[in-house]
Amino acid sequence: MKIRPLHDRVVVVRREEEKTSPGGIVIPDTAKEKPIKGEVVAVGTGKVLENGQVRALEVKAGDAVLFGKYSGTEIKIEGTEYLILREDDIMGVLES
C-alpha cells in the first residue's frame, strides 16, 4: 500500500537516534526522546495560494529533514510508522 499526501503535506519516516552518547554511554530506550530527523517518503502536489495558484513544495522524496518533536500526525501502515506533516512544520533540509 502506498500513501500520497494532499496539497502541502509531506510523509516522513523518522530516523533512529544513536543508542550511545558521544562519550560512549549507552542510552536506554526509556530515556530516549522522539527523533527529530527523518527522510521524506512522499510529497503532495503543492500549497494552494489565496489567488488559486499552486506553489510547488521545496522538499522532495529522499530529502533528509529536521522537524519539531511534536509536529505532525503519526500513522502506521503495514507495520511501518510514518509521520504526516505540513511543509511549514519542516525546519530545514540536511545536506551532506
N, C-alpha and C. Protein backbone atom coordinates (compact mmCIF):
# COMPACT_ATOMS: atom_id res chain seq x y z
N MET A 1 0.84 -1.17 0.00
CA MET A 1 0.00 0.00 0.00
C MET A 1 0.89 1.25 0.00
N LYS A 2 0.53 2.22 -0.81
CA LYS A 2 1.26 3.48 -0.87
C LYS A 2 0.38 4.58 -0.31
N ILE A 3 1.02 5.65 0.14
CA ILE A 3 0.29 6.80 0.63
C ILE A 3 0.71 8.02 -0.18
N ARG A 4 -0.26 8.79 -0.61
CA ARG A 4 0.00 10.01 -1.38
C ARG A 4 -0.60 11.18 -0.61
N PRO A 5 0.25 12.05 -0.07
CA PRO A 5 -0.28 13.18 0.69
C PRO A 5 -0.92 14.23 -0.23
N LEU A 6 -1.83 14.98 0.34
CA LEU A 6 -2.53 16.02 -0.43
C LEU A 6 -1.93 17.39 -0.16
N HIS A 7 -2.01 18.25 -1.15
CA HIS A 7 -1.62 19.66 -1.09
C HIS A 7 -0.21 19.84 -0.53
N ASP A 8 -0.06 20.56 0.60
CA ASP A 8 1.28 20.89 1.10
C ASP A 8 1.73 19.94 2.21
N ARG A 9 1.21 18.74 2.23
CA ARG A 9 1.61 17.76 3.25
C ARG A 9 2.75 16.88 2.75
N VAL A 10 3.52 16.37 3.71
CA VAL A 10 4.70 15.57 3.42
C VAL A 10 4.65 14.33 4.31
N VAL A 11 5.03 13.16 3.77
CA VAL A 11 5.12 11.93 4.55
C VAL A 11 6.59 11.67 4.85
N VAL A 12 6.89 11.46 6.15
CA VAL A 12 8.28 11.31 6.60
C VAL A 12 8.39 10.03 7.42
N VAL A 13 9.54 9.35 7.29
CA VAL A 13 9.88 8.23 8.16
C VAL A 13 10.95 8.74 9.11
N ARG A 14 10.71 8.56 10.42
CA ARG A 14 11.70 9.02 11.42
C ARG A 14 12.96 8.18 11.32
N ARG A 15 14.11 8.84 11.51
CA ARG A 15 15.39 8.15 11.59
C ARG A 15 15.66 7.81 13.05
N GLU A 16 16.19 6.65 13.28
CA GLU A 16 16.51 6.25 14.65
C GLU A 16 17.70 7.05 15.16
N GLU A 17 17.63 7.47 16.41
CA GLU A 17 18.72 8.20 17.05
C GLU A 17 19.79 7.21 17.49
N GLU A 18 20.96 7.74 17.79
CA GLU A 18 22.07 6.92 18.26
C GLU A 18 21.73 6.27 19.60
N LYS A 19 22.21 5.05 19.80
CA LYS A 19 21.96 4.35 21.05
C LYS A 19 23.01 4.66 22.10
N THR A 20 24.09 5.33 21.70
CA THR A 20 25.12 5.73 22.66
C THR A 20 25.38 7.22 22.53
N SER A 21 25.78 7.83 23.63
CA SER A 21 26.11 9.25 23.61
C SER A 21 27.50 9.44 23.03
N PRO A 22 27.89 10.68 22.70
CA PRO A 22 29.24 10.90 22.18
C PRO A 22 30.34 10.44 23.14
N GLY A 23 30.04 10.39 24.44
CA GLY A 23 31.02 9.94 25.44
C GLY A 23 31.06 8.44 25.60
N GLY A 24 30.20 7.71 24.90
CA GLY A 24 30.20 6.26 24.95
C GLY A 24 29.19 5.66 25.92
N ILE A 25 28.35 6.48 26.54
CA ILE A 25 27.35 5.98 27.48
C ILE A 25 26.15 5.45 26.69
N VAL A 26 25.70 4.25 27.03
CA VAL A 26 24.56 3.64 26.36
C VAL A 26 23.28 4.27 26.91
N ILE A 27 22.43 4.72 26.00
CA ILE A 27 21.17 5.37 26.38
C ILE A 27 20.06 4.32 26.35
N PRO A 28 19.38 4.08 27.48
CA PRO A 28 18.30 3.09 27.48
C PRO A 28 17.08 3.60 26.70
N ASP A 29 16.26 2.68 26.23
CA ASP A 29 15.07 3.04 25.45
C ASP A 29 14.12 3.95 26.21
N THR A 30 14.04 3.79 27.52
CA THR A 30 13.12 4.60 28.31
C THR A 30 13.57 6.05 28.41
N ALA A 31 14.84 6.33 28.22
CA ALA A 31 15.36 7.69 28.34
C ALA A 31 15.45 8.41 27.00
N LYS A 32 15.18 7.70 25.91
CA LYS A 32 15.28 8.31 24.58
C LYS A 32 14.11 9.23 24.31
N GLU A 33 14.37 10.26 23.52
CA GLU A 33 13.31 11.15 23.06
C GLU A 33 12.97 10.78 21.62
N LYS A 34 11.84 11.30 21.14
CA LYS A 34 11.46 11.05 19.76
C LYS A 34 12.49 11.68 18.83
N PRO A 35 12.86 10.98 17.77
CA PRO A 35 13.81 11.56 16.81
C PRO A 35 13.20 12.78 16.12
N ILE A 36 14.03 13.77 15.82
CA ILE A 36 13.56 14.96 15.11
C ILE A 36 14.12 14.99 13.69
N LYS A 37 14.77 13.91 13.28
CA LYS A 37 15.29 13.79 11.92
C LYS A 37 14.49 12.72 11.20
N GLY A 38 14.35 12.89 9.90
CA GLY A 38 13.64 11.90 9.13
C GLY A 38 13.93 12.01 7.65
N GLU A 39 13.39 11.08 6.90
CA GLU A 39 13.55 11.07 5.45
C GLU A 39 12.18 11.22 4.80
N VAL A 40 12.09 12.11 3.84
CA VAL A 40 10.84 12.34 3.13
C VAL A 40 10.56 11.15 2.22
N VAL A 41 9.37 10.59 2.35
CA VAL A 41 8.97 9.44 1.54
C VAL A 41 8.10 9.88 0.37
N ALA A 42 7.19 10.83 0.62
CA ALA A 42 6.28 11.30 -0.42
C ALA A 42 5.89 12.74 -0.13
N VAL A 43 5.60 13.49 -1.19
CA VAL A 43 5.17 14.89 -1.04
C VAL A 43 3.88 15.12 -1.82
N GLY A 44 3.13 16.12 -1.37
CA GLY A 44 1.88 16.48 -2.05
C GLY A 44 2.15 17.30 -3.30
N THR A 45 1.08 17.76 -3.91
CA THR A 45 1.19 18.49 -5.17
C THR A 45 1.66 19.93 -4.99
N GLY A 46 1.42 20.52 -3.83
CA GLY A 46 1.86 21.89 -3.58
C GLY A 46 0.84 22.66 -2.77
N LYS A 47 1.25 23.83 -2.31
CA LYS A 47 0.39 24.67 -1.48
C LYS A 47 -0.49 25.54 -2.37
N VAL A 48 -1.77 25.56 -2.09
CA VAL A 48 -2.71 26.39 -2.84
C VAL A 48 -2.69 27.79 -2.23
N LEU A 49 -2.33 28.78 -3.03
CA LEU A 49 -2.26 30.16 -2.57
C LEU A 49 -3.63 30.81 -2.62
N GLU A 50 -3.75 32.00 -2.03
CA GLU A 50 -5.03 32.70 -1.98
C GLU A 50 -5.57 33.04 -3.37
N ASN A 51 -4.68 33.27 -4.33
CA ASN A 51 -5.13 33.62 -5.68
C ASN A 51 -5.45 32.38 -6.53
N GLY A 52 -5.36 31.19 -5.92
CA GLY A 52 -5.71 29.95 -6.63
C GLY A 52 -4.54 29.24 -7.27
N GLN A 53 -3.39 29.89 -7.34
CA GLN A 53 -2.22 29.24 -7.92
C GLN A 53 -1.66 28.20 -6.95
N VAL A 54 -0.96 27.22 -7.49
CA VAL A 54 -0.34 26.17 -6.68
C VAL A 54 1.17 26.38 -6.69
N ARG A 55 1.74 26.53 -5.48
CA ARG A 55 3.19 26.69 -5.32
C ARG A 55 3.78 25.32 -5.03
N ALA A 56 4.75 24.90 -5.83
CA ALA A 56 5.39 23.60 -5.63
C ALA A 56 6.14 23.59 -4.31
N LEU A 57 6.26 22.40 -3.71
CA LEU A 57 6.96 22.26 -2.44
C LEU A 57 8.46 22.30 -2.66
N GLU A 58 9.20 22.75 -1.63
CA GLU A 58 10.65 22.85 -1.74
C GLU A 58 11.35 21.54 -1.41
N VAL A 59 10.68 20.64 -0.69
CA VAL A 59 11.28 19.35 -0.37
C VAL A 59 10.82 18.32 -1.38
N LYS A 60 11.61 17.26 -1.51
CA LYS A 60 11.26 16.18 -2.43
C LYS A 60 11.55 14.84 -1.75
N ALA A 61 11.04 13.79 -2.31
CA ALA A 61 11.25 12.45 -1.76
C ALA A 61 12.74 12.16 -1.71
N GLY A 62 13.18 11.62 -0.59
CA GLY A 62 14.59 11.29 -0.40
C GLY A 62 15.36 12.33 0.41
N ASP A 63 14.80 13.51 0.62
CA ASP A 63 15.46 14.56 1.41
C ASP A 63 15.49 14.17 2.89
N ALA A 64 16.61 14.47 3.55
CA ALA A 64 16.72 14.31 4.99
C ALA A 64 16.31 15.65 5.61
N VAL A 65 15.36 15.61 6.55
CA VAL A 65 14.79 16.84 7.10
C VAL A 65 14.81 16.85 8.63
N LEU A 66 14.70 18.06 9.19
CA LEU A 66 14.53 18.28 10.62
C LEU A 66 13.13 18.83 10.85
N PHE A 67 12.47 18.34 11.91
CA PHE A 67 11.12 18.82 12.22
C PHE A 67 10.95 18.84 13.72
N GLY A 68 9.89 19.47 14.20
CA GLY A 68 9.62 19.57 15.63
C GLY A 68 9.27 18.23 16.26
N LYS A 69 9.57 18.07 17.55
CA LYS A 69 9.32 16.81 18.25
C LYS A 69 7.86 16.39 18.19
N TYR A 70 6.97 17.34 18.35
CA TYR A 70 5.56 17.00 18.47
C TYR A 70 4.73 17.44 17.26
N SER A 71 5.39 17.71 16.14
CA SER A 71 4.65 18.16 14.96
C SER A 71 4.14 16.96 14.16
N GLY A 72 3.09 17.20 13.40
CA GLY A 72 2.56 16.18 12.52
C GLY A 72 1.66 15.16 13.20
N THR A 73 1.21 14.21 12.40
CA THR A 73 0.34 13.13 12.85
C THR A 73 1.01 11.80 12.55
N GLU A 74 1.12 10.96 13.57
CA GLU A 74 1.76 9.66 13.38
C GLU A 74 0.72 8.65 12.91
N ILE A 75 1.11 7.86 11.90
CA ILE A 75 0.25 6.78 11.40
C ILE A 75 1.10 5.53 11.22
N LYS A 76 0.45 4.39 11.16
CA LYS A 76 1.15 3.12 10.96
C LYS A 76 0.48 2.38 9.82
N ILE A 77 1.26 2.06 8.79
CA ILE A 77 0.75 1.34 7.63
C ILE A 77 1.64 0.12 7.41
N GLU A 78 1.02 -1.04 7.45
CA GLU A 78 1.71 -2.32 7.22
C GLU A 78 2.97 -2.44 8.07
N GLY A 79 2.87 -2.05 9.34
CA GLY A 79 3.97 -2.22 10.27
C GLY A 79 5.02 -1.12 10.26
N THR A 80 4.91 -0.16 9.37
CA THR A 80 5.88 0.94 9.29
C THR A 80 5.23 2.22 9.81
N GLU A 81 5.95 2.92 10.70
CA GLU A 81 5.42 4.15 11.25
C GLU A 81 5.83 5.34 10.38
N TYR A 82 4.86 6.16 10.03
CA TYR A 82 5.08 7.36 9.23
C TYR A 82 4.61 8.58 10.00
N LEU A 83 5.07 9.72 9.58
CA LEU A 83 4.65 10.99 10.15
C LEU A 83 4.18 11.86 9.00
N ILE A 84 2.94 12.36 9.09
CA ILE A 84 2.41 13.25 8.06
C ILE A 84 2.40 14.66 8.64
N LEU A 85 3.08 15.58 7.96
CA LEU A 85 3.14 16.96 8.43
C LEU A 85 3.10 17.93 7.27
N ARG A 86 2.82 19.16 7.58
CA ARG A 86 2.80 20.21 6.55
C ARG A 86 4.23 20.65 6.28
N GLU A 87 4.46 21.18 5.10
CA GLU A 87 5.79 21.65 4.75
C GLU A 87 6.24 22.75 5.72
N ASP A 88 5.31 23.54 6.23
CA ASP A 88 5.65 24.61 7.18
C ASP A 88 6.24 24.07 8.48
N ASP A 89 5.93 22.80 8.84
CA ASP A 89 6.45 22.20 10.07
C ASP A 89 7.90 21.73 9.92
N ILE A 90 8.40 21.68 8.70
CA ILE A 90 9.78 21.27 8.47
C ILE A 90 10.68 22.47 8.71
N MET A 91 11.68 22.29 9.58
CA MET A 91 12.57 23.39 9.95
C MET A 91 13.76 23.52 9.02
N GLY A 92 14.16 22.43 8.38
CA GLY A 92 15.30 22.52 7.47
C GLY A 92 15.57 21.20 6.78
N VAL A 93 16.36 21.29 5.72
CA VAL A 93 16.78 20.12 4.95
C VAL A 93 18.26 19.89 5.25
N LEU A 94 18.62 18.66 5.62
CA LEU A 94 20.01 18.32 5.91
C LEU A 94 20.72 17.99 4.61
N GLU A 95 21.86 18.62 4.40
CA GLU A 95 22.65 18.36 3.19
C GLU A 95 24.01 17.80 3.60
N SER A 96 24.49 16.83 2.84
CA SER A 96 25.79 16.24 3.17
C SER A 96 26.88 16.74 2.27
